[in-house]
Amino acid sequence: GNADLINHFFTSADTAWQESGRQDKPYRMAGFW
């Protein structure tokens, strides 16, 4: 449940979506045990 790690995943996705020319934002789903 490390929020810093989850934030890394989310910000990486935001960057990737932008670089791929996507106009929409990625749906953000997280999870932990």
Full PDB file with SEQRES, HELIX, SHEET, SSBOND, CRYST1, ORIGX, SCALE, CONECT and MASTER records, all heavy atoms in Angstrom:
SEQRES   1 A   33  GLY ASN ALA ASP LEU ILE ASN HIS PHE PHE THR SER ALA          
SEQRES   2 A   33  ASP THR ALA TRP GLN GLU SER GLY ARG GLN ASP LYS PRO          
SEQRES   3 A   33  TYR ARG MET ALA GLY PHE TRP                                  
HELIX    1 AA1 ALA A    3  GLU A   19  1                                  17    
CRYST1    1.000    1.000    1.000  90.00  90.00  90.00 P 1           1          
ORIGX1      1.000000  0.000000  0.000000        0.00000                         
ORIGX2      0.000000  1.000000  0.000000        0.00000                         
ORIGX3      0.000000  0.000000  1.000000        0.00000                         
SCALE1      1.000000  0.000000  0.000000        0.00000                         
SCALE2      0.000000  1.000000  0.000000        0.00000                         
SCALE3      0.000000  0.000000  1.000000        0.00000                         
ATOM      1  N   GLY A   1       0.788  -1.223   0.000  1.00  0.00           N  
ATOM      2  CA  GLY A   1       0.000   0.000   0.000  1.00  0.00           C  
ATOM      3  C   GLY A   1       0.818   1.271   0.000  1.00  0.00           C  
ATOM      4  O   GLY A   1       0.308   2.342   0.353  1.00  0.00           O  
ATOM      5  N   ASN A   2       2.065   1.183  -0.450  1.00  0.00           N  
ATOM      6  CA  ASN A   2       2.959   2.342  -0.462  1.00  0.00           C  
ATOM      7  C   ASN A   2       2.446   3.398  -1.443  1.00  0.00           C  
ATOM      8  O   ASN A   2       2.445   3.194  -2.657  1.00  0.00           O  
ATOM      9  CB  ASN A   2       4.367   1.884  -0.864  1.00  0.00           C  
ATOM     10  CG  ASN A   2       5.388   3.000  -0.774  1.00  0.00           C  
ATOM     11  OD1 ASN A   2       5.210   4.056  -1.367  1.00  0.00           O  
ATOM     12  ND2 ASN A   2       6.464   2.754  -0.046  1.00  0.00           N  
ATOM     13  N   ALA A   3       2.018   4.533  -0.918  1.00  0.00           N  
ATOM     14  CA  ALA A   3       1.431   5.578  -1.760  1.00  0.00           C  
ATOM     15  C   ALA A   3       2.455   6.184  -2.710  1.00  0.00           C  
ATOM     16  O   ALA A   3       2.108   6.588  -3.825  1.00  0.00           O  
ATOM     17  CB  ALA A   3       0.804   6.662  -0.880  1.00  0.00           C  
ATOM     18  N   ASP A   4       3.709   6.252  -2.296  1.00  0.00           N  
ATOM     19  CA  ASP A   4       4.745   6.807  -3.174  1.00  0.00           C  
ATOM     20  C   ASP A   4       4.927   5.938  -4.414  1.00  0.00           C  
ATOM     21  O   ASP A   4       5.094   6.452  -5.530  1.00  0.00           O  
ATOM     22  CB  ASP A   4       6.074   6.935  -2.427  1.00  0.00           C  
ATOM     23  CG  ASP A   4       6.049   8.023  -1.365  1.00  0.00           C  
ATOM     24  OD1 ASP A   4       5.226   8.955  -1.496  1.00  0.00           O  
ATOM     25  OD2 ASP A   4       6.853   7.942  -0.416  1.00  0.00           O  
ATOM     26  N   LEU A   5       4.904   4.627  -4.228  1.00  0.00           N  
ATOM     27  CA  LEU A   5       5.041   3.727  -5.365  1.00  0.00           C  
ATOM     28  C   LEU A   5       3.833   3.835  -6.292  1.00  0.00           C  
ATOM     29  O   LEU A   5       3.973   3.890  -7.518  1.00  0.00           O  
ATOM     30  CB  LEU A   5       5.207   2.287  -4.881  1.00  0.00           C  
ATOM     31  CG  LEU A   5       5.318   1.213  -5.966  1.00  0.00           C  
ATOM     32  CD1 LEU A   5       6.501   1.497  -6.891  1.00  0.00           C  
ATOM     33  CD2 LEU A   5       5.455  -0.178  -5.332  1.00  0.00           C  
ATOM     34  N   ILE A   6       2.645   3.888  -5.717  1.00  0.00           N  
ATOM     35  CA  ILE A   6       1.436   4.029  -6.527  1.00  0.00           C  
ATOM     36  C   ILE A   6       1.456   5.352  -7.286  1.00  0.00           C  
ATOM     37  O   ILE A   6       1.081   5.415  -8.460  1.00  0.00           O  
ATOM     38  CB  ILE A   6       0.191   3.894  -5.639  1.00  0.00           C  
ATOM     39  CG1 ILE A   6       0.059   2.440  -5.148  1.00  0.00           C  
ATOM     40  CG2 ILE A   6      -1.066   4.318  -6.386  1.00  0.00           C  
ATOM     41  CD1 ILE A   6      -1.015   2.226  -4.115  1.00  0.00           C  
ATOM     42  N   ASN A   7       1.920   6.406  -6.639  1.00  0.00           N  
ATOM     43  CA  ASN A   7       2.028   7.694  -7.316  1.00  0.00           C  
ATOM     44  C   ASN A   7       2.990   7.620  -8.487  1.00  0.00           C  
ATOM     45  O   ASN A   7       2.760   8.216  -9.549  1.00  0.00           O  
ATOM     46  CB  ASN A   7       2.486   8.764  -6.327  1.00  0.00           C  
ATOM     47  CG  ASN A   7       2.452  10.153  -6.938  1.00  0.00           C  
ATOM     48  OD1 ASN A   7       1.449  10.579  -7.494  1.00  0.00           O  
ATOM     49  ND2 ASN A   7       3.566  10.859  -6.847  1.00  0.00           N  
ATOM     50  N   HIS A   8       4.068   6.868  -8.335  1.00  0.00           N  
ATOM     51  CA  HIS A   8       5.025   6.669  -9.432  1.00  0.00           C  
ATOM     52  C   HIS A   8       4.339   5.999 -10.621  1.00  0.00           C  
ATOM     53  O   HIS A   8       4.533   6.412 -11.777  1.00  0.00           O  
ATOM     54  CB  HIS A   8       6.202   5.820  -8.959  1.00  0.00           C  
ATOM     55  CG  HIS A   8       7.101   5.361 -10.060  1.00  0.00           C  
ATOM     56  ND1 HIS A   8       7.935   6.219 -10.755  1.00  0.00           N  
ATOM     57  CD2 HIS A   8       7.285   4.123 -10.609  1.00  0.00           C  
ATOM     58  CE1 HIS A   8       8.594   5.537 -11.676  1.00  0.00           C  
ATOM     59  NE2 HIS A   8       8.221   4.265 -11.604  1.00  0.00           N  
ATOM     60  N   PHE A   9       3.530   4.978 -10.357  1.00  0.00           N  
ATOM     61  CA  PHE A   9       2.802   4.316 -11.440  1.00  0.00           C  
ATOM     62  C   PHE A   9       1.861   5.300 -12.144  1.00  0.00           C  
ATOM     63  O   PHE A   9       1.803   5.358 -13.377  1.00  0.00           O  
ATOM     64  CB  PHE A   9       1.983   3.145 -10.894  1.00  0.00           C  
ATOM     65  CG  PHE A   9       2.797   2.014 -10.322  1.00  0.00           C  
ATOM     66  CD1 PHE A   9       2.321   1.269  -9.252  1.00  0.00           C  
ATOM     67  CD2 PHE A   9       4.039   1.691 -10.848  1.00  0.00           C  
ATOM     68  CE1 PHE A   9       3.054   0.215  -8.724  1.00  0.00           C  
ATOM     69  CE2 PHE A   9       4.791   0.640 -10.324  1.00  0.00           C  
ATOM     70  CZ  PHE A   9       4.292  -0.095  -9.258  1.00  0.00           C  
ATOM     71  N   PHE A  10       1.126   6.077 -11.347  1.00  0.00           N  
ATOM     72  CA  PHE A  10       0.141   6.990 -11.920  1.00  0.00           C  
ATOM     73  C   PHE A  10       0.797   8.095 -12.751  1.00  0.00           C  
ATOM     74  O   PHE A  10       0.330   8.433 -13.847  1.00  0.00           O  
ATOM     75  CB  PHE A  10      -0.709   7.610 -10.815  1.00  0.00           C  
ATOM     76  CG  PHE A  10      -1.689   6.667 -10.168  1.00  0.00           C  
ATOM     77  CD1 PHE A  10      -2.300   6.996  -8.958  1.00  0.00           C  
ATOM     78  CD2 PHE A  10      -2.021   5.460 -10.757  1.00  0.00           C  
ATOM     79  CE1 PHE A  10      -3.216   6.141  -8.373  1.00  0.00           C  
ATOM     80  CE2 PHE A  10      -2.936   4.592 -10.167  1.00  0.00           C  
ATOM     81  CZ  PHE A  10      -3.533   4.938  -8.975  1.00  0.00           C  
ATOM     82  N   THR A  11       1.869   8.685 -12.233  1.00  0.00           N  
ATOM     83  CA  THR A  11       2.527   9.762 -12.973  1.00  0.00           C  
ATOM     84  C   THR A  11       3.196   9.220 -14.231  1.00  0.00           C  
ATOM     85  O   THR A  11       3.224   9.912 -15.260  1.00  0.00           O  
ATOM     86  CB  THR A  11       3.554  10.490 -12.093  1.00  0.00           C  
ATOM     87  OG1 THR A  11       4.499   9.549 -11.556  1.00  0.00           O  
ATOM     88  CG2 THR A  11       2.870  11.216 -10.942  1.00  0.00           C  
ATOM     89  N   SER A  12       3.703   7.981 -14.162  1.00  0.00           N  
ATOM     90  CA  SER A  12       4.272   7.363 -15.362  1.00  0.00           C  
ATOM     91  C   SER A  12       3.203   7.171 -16.427  1.00  0.00           C  
ATOM     92  O   SER A  12       3.445   7.383 -17.622  1.00  0.00           O  
ATOM     93  CB  SER A  12       4.907   6.011 -15.011  1.00  0.00           C  
ATOM     94  OG  SER A  12       6.002   6.165 -14.136  1.00  0.00           O  
ATOM     95  N   ALA A  13       2.008   6.774 -15.986  1.00  0.00           N  
ATOM     96  CA  ALA A  13       0.905   6.594 -16.930  1.00  0.00           C  
ATOM     97  C   ALA A  13       0.482   7.934 -17.534  1.00  0.00           C  
ATOM     98  O   ALA A  13       0.243   8.030 -18.747  1.00  0.00           O  
ATOM     99  CB  ALA A  13      -0.278   5.934 -16.232  1.00  0.00           C  
ATOM    100  N   ASP A  14       0.384   8.975 -16.717  1.00  0.00           N  
ATOM    101  CA  ASP A  14       0.016  10.291 -17.242  1.00  0.00           C  
ATOM    102  C   ASP A  14       0.993  10.742 -18.326  1.00  0.00           C  
ATOM    103  O   ASP A  14       0.591  11.234 -19.385  1.00  0.00           O  
ATOM    104  CB  ASP A  14       0.004  11.327 -16.110  1.00  0.00           C  
ATOM    105  CG  ASP A  14      -1.159  11.139 -15.144  1.00  0.00           C  
ATOM    106  OD1 ASP A  14      -2.132  10.449 -15.514  1.00  0.00           O  
ATOM    107  OD2 ASP A  14      -1.082  11.677 -14.025  1.00  0.00           O  
ATOM    108  N   THR A  15       2.283  10.554 -18.054  1.00  0.00           N  
ATOM    109  CA  THR A  15       3.310  10.946 -19.026  1.00  0.00           C  
ATOM    110  C   THR A  15       3.203  10.131 -20.300  1.00  0.00           C  
ATOM    111  O   THR A  15       3.265  10.670 -21.412  1.00  0.00           O  
ATOM    112  CB  THR A  15       4.708  10.771 -18.414  1.00  0.00           C  
ATOM    113  OG1 THR A  15       4.832  11.604 -17.255  1.00  0.00           O  
ATOM    114  CG2 THR A  15       5.789  11.141 -19.416  1.00  0.00           C  
ATOM    115  N   ALA A  16       3.028   8.813 -20.145  1.00  0.00           N  
ATOM    116  CA  ALA A  16       2.934   7.931 -21.308  1.00  0.00           C  
ATOM    117  C   ALA A  16       1.720   8.265 -22.163  1.00  0.00           C  
ATOM    118  O   ALA A  16       1.801   8.274 -23.401  1.00  0.00           O  
ATOM    119  CB  ALA A  16       2.891   6.479 -20.856  1.00  0.00           C  
ATOM    120  N   TRP A  17       0.593   8.532 -21.530  1.00  0.00           N  
ATOM    121  CA  TRP A  17      -0.622   8.878 -22.271  1.00  0.00           C  
ATOM    122  C   TRP A  17      -0.405  10.152 -23.087  1.00  0.00           C  
ATOM    123  O   TRP A  17      -0.807  10.238 -24.249  1.00  0.00           O  
ATOM    124  CB  TRP A  17      -1.788   9.045 -21.307  1.00  0.00           C  
ATOM    125  CG  TRP A  17      -2.760   7.909 -21.253  1.00  0.00           C  
ATOM    126  CD1 TRP A  17      -4.078   7.946 -21.605  1.00  0.00           C  
ATOM    127  CD2 TRP A  17      -2.522   6.560 -20.792  1.00  0.00           C  
ATOM    128  NE1 TRP A  17      -4.667   6.708 -21.398  1.00  0.00           N  
ATOM    129  CE2 TRP A  17      -3.736   5.845 -20.904  1.00  0.00           C  
ATOM    130  CE3 TRP A  17      -1.400   5.889 -20.306  1.00  0.00           C  
ATOM    131  CZ2 TRP A  17      -3.863   4.496 -20.542  1.00  0.00           C  
ATOM    132  CZ3 TRP A  17      -1.512   4.546 -19.938  1.00  0.00           C  
ATOM    133  CH2 TRP A  17      -2.721   3.864 -20.063  1.00  0.00           C  
ATOM    134  N   GLN A  18       0.239  11.132 -22.476  1.00  0.00           N  
ATOM    135  CA  GLN A  18       0.508  12.392 -23.182  1.00  0.00           C  
ATOM    136  C   GLN A  18       1.455  12.171 -24.353  1.00  0.00           C  
ATOM    137  O   GLN A  18       1.233  12.698 -25.460  1.00  0.00           O  
ATOM    138  CB  GLN A  18       1.106  13.416 -22.208  1.00  0.00           C  
ATOM    139  CG  GLN A  18       0.127  13.924 -21.157  1.00  0.00           C  
ATOM    140  CD  GLN A  18       0.782  14.854 -20.157  1.00  0.00           C  
ATOM    141  OE1 GLN A  18       1.994  15.100 -20.205  1.00  0.00           O  
ATOM    142  NE2 GLN A  18      -0.005  15.380 -19.220  1.00  0.00           N  
ATOM    143  N   GLU A  19       2.507  11.397 -24.123  1.00  0.00           N  
ATOM    144  CA  GLU A  19       3.490  11.153 -25.182  1.00  0.00           C  
ATOM    145  C   GLU A  19       2.901  10.347 -26.332  1.00  0.00           C  
ATOM    146  O   GLU A  19       3.386  10.432 -27.468  1.00  0.00           O  
ATOM    147  CB  GLU A  19       4.712  10.435 -24.608  1.00  0.00           C  
ATOM    148  CG  GLU A  19       5.536  11.319 -23.680  1.00  0.00           C  
ATOM    149  CD  GLU A  19       6.713  10.584 -23.056  1.00  0.00           C  
ATOM    150  OE1 GLU A  19       6.779   9.336 -23.191  1.00  0.00           O  
ATOM    151  OE2 GLU A  19       7.565  11.253 -22.431  1.00  0.00           O  
ATOM    152  N   SER A  20       1.854   9.583 -26.061  1.00  0.00           N  
ATOM    153  CA  SER A  20       1.186   8.814 -27.110  1.00  0.00           C  
ATOM    154  C   SER A  20       0.100   9.624 -27.817  1.00  0.00           C  
ATOM    155  O   SER A  20      -0.619   9.095 -28.669  1.00  0.00           O  
ATOM    156  CB  SER A  20       0.582   7.530 -26.521  1.00  0.00           C  
ATOM    157  OG  SER A  20       1.603   6.644 -26.103  1.00  0.00           O  
ATOM    158  N   GLY A  21      -0.016  10.887 -27.425  1.00  0.00           N  
ATOM    159  CA  GLY A  21      -0.982  11.761 -28.077  1.00  0.00           C  
ATOM    160  C   GLY A  21      -2.410  11.530 -27.643  1.00  0.00           C  
ATOM    161  O   GLY A  21      -3.354  11.924 -28.346  1.00  0.00           O  
ATOM    162  N   ARG A  22      -2.588  10.910 -26.480  1.00  0.00           N  
ATOM    163  CA  ARG A  22      -3.943  10.653 -26.000  1.00  0.00           C  
ATOM    164  C   ARG A  22      -4.554  11.941 -25.441  1.00  0.00           C  
ATOM    165  O   ARG A  22      -3.911  12.688 -24.704  1.00  0.00           O  
ATOM    166  CB  ARG A  22      -3.906   9.579 -24.912  1.00  0.00           C  
ATOM    167  CG  ARG A  22      -3.353   8.220 -25.337  1.00  0.00           C  
ATOM    168  CD  ARG A  22      -4.389   7.419 -26.104  1.00  0.00           C  
ATOM    169  NE  ARG A  22      -5.537   7.083 -25.290  1.00  0.00           N  
ATOM    170  CZ  ARG A  22      -5.645   5.939 -24.579  1.00  0.00           C  
ATOM    171  NH1 ARG A  22      -4.669   5.041 -24.604  1.00  0.00           N  
ATOM    172  NH2 ARG A  22      -6.740   5.688 -23.882  1.00  0.00           N  
ATOM    173  N   GLN A  23      -5.812  12.162 -25.779  1.00  0.00           N  
ATOM    174  CA  GLN A  23      -6.532  13.315 -25.250  1.00  0.00           C  
ATOM    175  C   GLN A  23      -7.186  12.997 -23.907  1.00  0.00           C  
ATOM    176  O   GLN A  23      -7.453  13.904 -23.112  1.00  0.00           O  
ATOM    177  CB  GLN A  23      -7.596  13.771 -26.252  1.00  0.00           C  
ATOM    178  CG  GLN A  23      -7.030  14.218 -27.597  1.00  0.00           C  
ATOM    179  CD  GLN A  23      -6.048  15.363 -27.464  1.00  0.00           C  
ATOM    180  OE1 GLN A  23      -6.323  16.370 -26.803  1.00  0.00           O  
ATOM    181  NE2 GLN A  23      -4.881  15.221 -28.076  1.00  0.00           N  
ATOM    182  N   ASP A  24      -7.463  11.718 -23.684  1.00  0.00           N  
ATOM    183  CA  ASP A  24      -8.080  11.299 -22.426  1.00  0.00           C  
ATOM    184  C   ASP A  24      -7.009  10.998 -21.391  1.00  0.00           C  
ATOM    185  O   ASP A  24      -5.844  10.779 -21.717  1.00  0.00           O  
ATOM    186  CB  ASP A  24      -8.951  10.061 -22.646  1.00  0.00           C  
ATOM    187  CG  ASP A  24      -8.166   8.903 -23.257  1.00  0.00           C  
ATOM    188  OD1 ASP A  24      -7.210   9.160 -24.024  1.00  0.00           O  
ATOM    189  OD2 ASP A  24      -8.497   7.737 -22.969  1.00  0.00           O  
ATOM    190  N   LYS A  25      -7.402  10.983 -20.144  1.00  0.00           N  
ATOM    191  CA  LYS A  25      -6.486  10.638 -19.060  1.00  0.00           C  
ATOM    192  C   LYS A  25      -6.699   9.180 -18.670  1.00  0.00           C  
ATOM    193  O   LYS A  25      -7.809   8.664 -18.758  1.00  0.00           O  
ATOM    194  CB  LYS A  25      -6.717  11.544 -17.852  1.00  0.00           C  
ATOM    195  CG  LYS A  25      -6.331  12.990 -18.094  1.00  0.00           C  
ATOM    196  CD  LYS A  25      -6.475  13.815 -16.821  1.00  0.00           C  
ATOM    197  CE  LYS A  25      -6.021  15.254 -17.058  1.00  0.00           C  
ATOM    198  NZ  LYS A  25      -6.135  16.070 -15.805  1.00  0.00           N  
ATOM    199  N   PRO A  26      -5.640   8.488 -18.232  1.00  0.00           N  
ATOM    200  CA  PRO A  26      -5.801   7.088 -17.842  1.00  0.00           C  
ATOM    201  C   PRO A  26      -6.626   6.940 -16.566  1.00  0.00           C  
ATOM    202  O   PRO A  26      -6.470   7.717 -15.621  1.00  0.00           O  
ATOM    203  CB  PRO A  26      -4.359   6.623 -17.608  1.00  0.00           C  
ATOM    204  CG  PRO A  26      -3.597   7.874 -17.288  1.00  0.00           C  
ATOM    205  CD  PRO A  26      -4.245   8.955 -18.094  1.00  0.00           C  
ATOM    206  N   TYR A  27      -7.517   5.951 -16.570  1.00  0.00           N  
ATOM    207  CA  TYR A  27      -8.237   5.597 -15.354  1.00  0.00           C  
ATOM    208  C   TYR A  27      -7.213   5.066 -14.356  1.00  0.00           C  
ATOM    209  O   TYR A  27      -6.373   4.230 -14.686  1.00  0.00           O  
ATOM    210  CB  TYR A  27      -9.286   4.534 -15.665  1.00  0.00           C  
ATOM    211  CG  TYR A  27     -10.241   4.235 -14.534  1.00  0.00           C  
ATOM    212  CD1 TYR A  27     -11.363   5.027 -14.327  1.00  0.00           C  
ATOM    213  CD2 TYR A  27     -10.035   3.151 -13.683  1.00  0.00           C  
ATOM    214  CE1 TYR A  27     -12.263   4.752 -13.308  1.00  0.00           C  
ATOM    215  CE2 TYR A  27     -10.924   2.869 -12.653  1.00  0.00           C  
ATOM    216  CZ  TYR A  27     -12.032   3.677 -12.469  1.00  0.00           C  
ATOM    217  OH  TYR A  27     -12.917   3.394 -11.449  1.00  0.00           O  
ATOM    218  N   ARG A  28      -7.287   5.534 -13.124  1.00  0.00           N  
ATOM    219  CA  ARG A  28      -6.282   5.190 -12.119  1.00  0.00           C  
ATOM    220  C   ARG A  28      -6.866   4.196 -11.114  1.00  0.00           C  
ATOM    221  O   ARG A  28      -7.726   4.561 -10.314  1.00  0.00           O  
ATOM    222  CB  ARG A  28      -5.829   6.452 -11.383  1.00  0.00           C  
ATOM    223  CG  ARG A  28      -5.096   7.459 -12.249  1.00  0.00           C  
ATOM    224  CD  ARG A  28      -4.798   8.714 -11.451  1.00  0.00           C  
ATOM    225  NE  ARG A  28      -3.715   9.496 -12.022  1.00  0.00           N  
ATOM    226  CZ  ARG A  28      -3.008  10.403 -11.349  1.00  0.00           C  
ATOM    227  NH1 ARG A  28      -3.299  10.634 -10.063  1.00  0.00           N  
ATOM    228  NH2 ARG A  28      -2.036  11.068 -11.933  1.00  0.00           N  
ATOM    229  N   MET A  29      -6.380   2.969 -11.155  1.00  0.00           N  
ATOM    230  CA  MET A  29      -6.796   1.981 -10.164  1.00  0.00           C  
ATOM    231  C   MET A  29      -5.568   1.487  -9.424  1.00  0.00           C  
ATOM    232  O   MET A  29      -4.527   1.208 -10.040  1.00  0.00           O  
ATOM    233  CB  MET A  29      -7.526   0.799 -10.824  1.00  0.00           C  
ATOM    234  CG  MET A  29      -8.164  -0.140  -9.789  1.00  0.00           C  
ATOM    235  SD  MET A  29      -9.369  -1.282 -10.504  1.00  0.00           S  
ATOM    236  CE  MET A  29      -8.272  -2.525 -11.205  1.00  0.00           C  
ATOM    237  N   ALA A  30      -5.681   1.390  -8.116  1.00  0.00           N  
ATOM    238  CA  ALA A  30      -4.587   0.924  -7.269  1.00  0.00           C  
ATOM    239  C   ALA A  30      -5.029  -0.338  -6.533  1.00  0.00           C  
ATOM    240  O   ALA A  30      -6.180  -0.775  -6.645  1.00  0.00           O  
ATOM    241  CB  ALA A  30      -4.176   2.008  -6.276  1.00  0.00           C  
ATOM    242  N   GLY A  31      -4.115  -0.916  -5.766  1.00  0.00           N  
ATOM    243  CA  GLY A  31      -4.458  -2.083  -4.969  1.00  0.00           C  
ATOM    244  C   GLY A  31      -3.362  -2.408  -3.972  1.00  0.00           C  
ATOM    245  O   GLY A  31      -2.205  -2.043  -4.157  1.00  0.00           O  
ATOM    246  N   PHE A  32      -3.772  -3.086  -2.883  1.00  0.00           N  
ATOM    247  CA  PHE A  32      -2.782  -3.623  -1.945  1.00  0.00           C  
ATOM    248  C   PHE A  32      -3.380  -4.783  -1.156  1.00  0.00           C  
ATOM    249  O   PHE A  32      -4.593  -4.984  -1.128  1.00  0.00           O  
ATOM    250  CB  PHE A  32      -2.228  -2.539  -1.000  1.00  0.00           C  
ATOM    251  CG  PHE A  32      -3.218  -1.850  -0.093  1.00  0.00           C  
ATOM    252  CD1 PHE A  32      -3.726  -2.470   1.047  1.00  0.00           C  
ATOM    253  CD2 PHE A  32      -3.628  -0.545  -0.350  1.00  0.00           C  
ATOM    254  CE1 PHE A  32      -4.609  -1.835   1.906  1.00  0.00           C  
ATOM    255  CE2 PHE A  32      -4.508   0.122   0.492  1.00  0.00           C  
ATOM    256  CZ  PHE A  32      -5.000  -0.530   1.619  1.00  0.00           C  
ATOM    257  N   TRP A  33      -2.504  -5.562  -0.521  1.00  0.00           N  
ATOM    258  CA  TRP A  33      -2.900  -6.687   0.315  1.00  0.00           C  
ATOM    259  C   TRP A  33      -3.241  -6.185   1.714  1.00  0.00           C  
ATOM    260  O   TRP A  33      -2.608  -5.266   2.231  1.00  0.00           O  
ATOM    261  CB  TRP A  33      -1.756  -7.695   0.421  1.00  0.00           C  
ATOM    262  CG  TRP A  33      -1.470  -8.445  -0.844  1.00  0.00           C  
ATOM    263  CD1 TRP A  33      -2.369  -8.869  -1.776  1.00  0.00           C  
ATOM    264  CD2 TRP A  33      -0.186  -8.873  -1.317  1.00  0.00           C  
ATOM    265  NE1 TRP A  33      -1.726  -9.543  -2.789  1.00  0.00           N  
ATOM    266  CE2 TRP A  33      -0.400  -9.565  -2.533  1.00  0.00           C  
ATOM    267  CE3 TRP A  33       1.112  -8.760  -0.838  1.00  0.00           C  
ATOM    268  CZ2 TRP A  33       0.645 -10.126  -3.276  1.00  0.00           C  
ATOM    269  CZ3 TRP A  33       2.157  -9.308  -1.561  1.00  0.00           C  
ATOM    270  CH2 TRP A  33       1.918  -9.985  -2.760  1.00  0.00           C  
TER     271      TRP A  33                                                      
MASTER        0    0    0    1    0    0    0    6  270    1    0    3          
END                                                                             
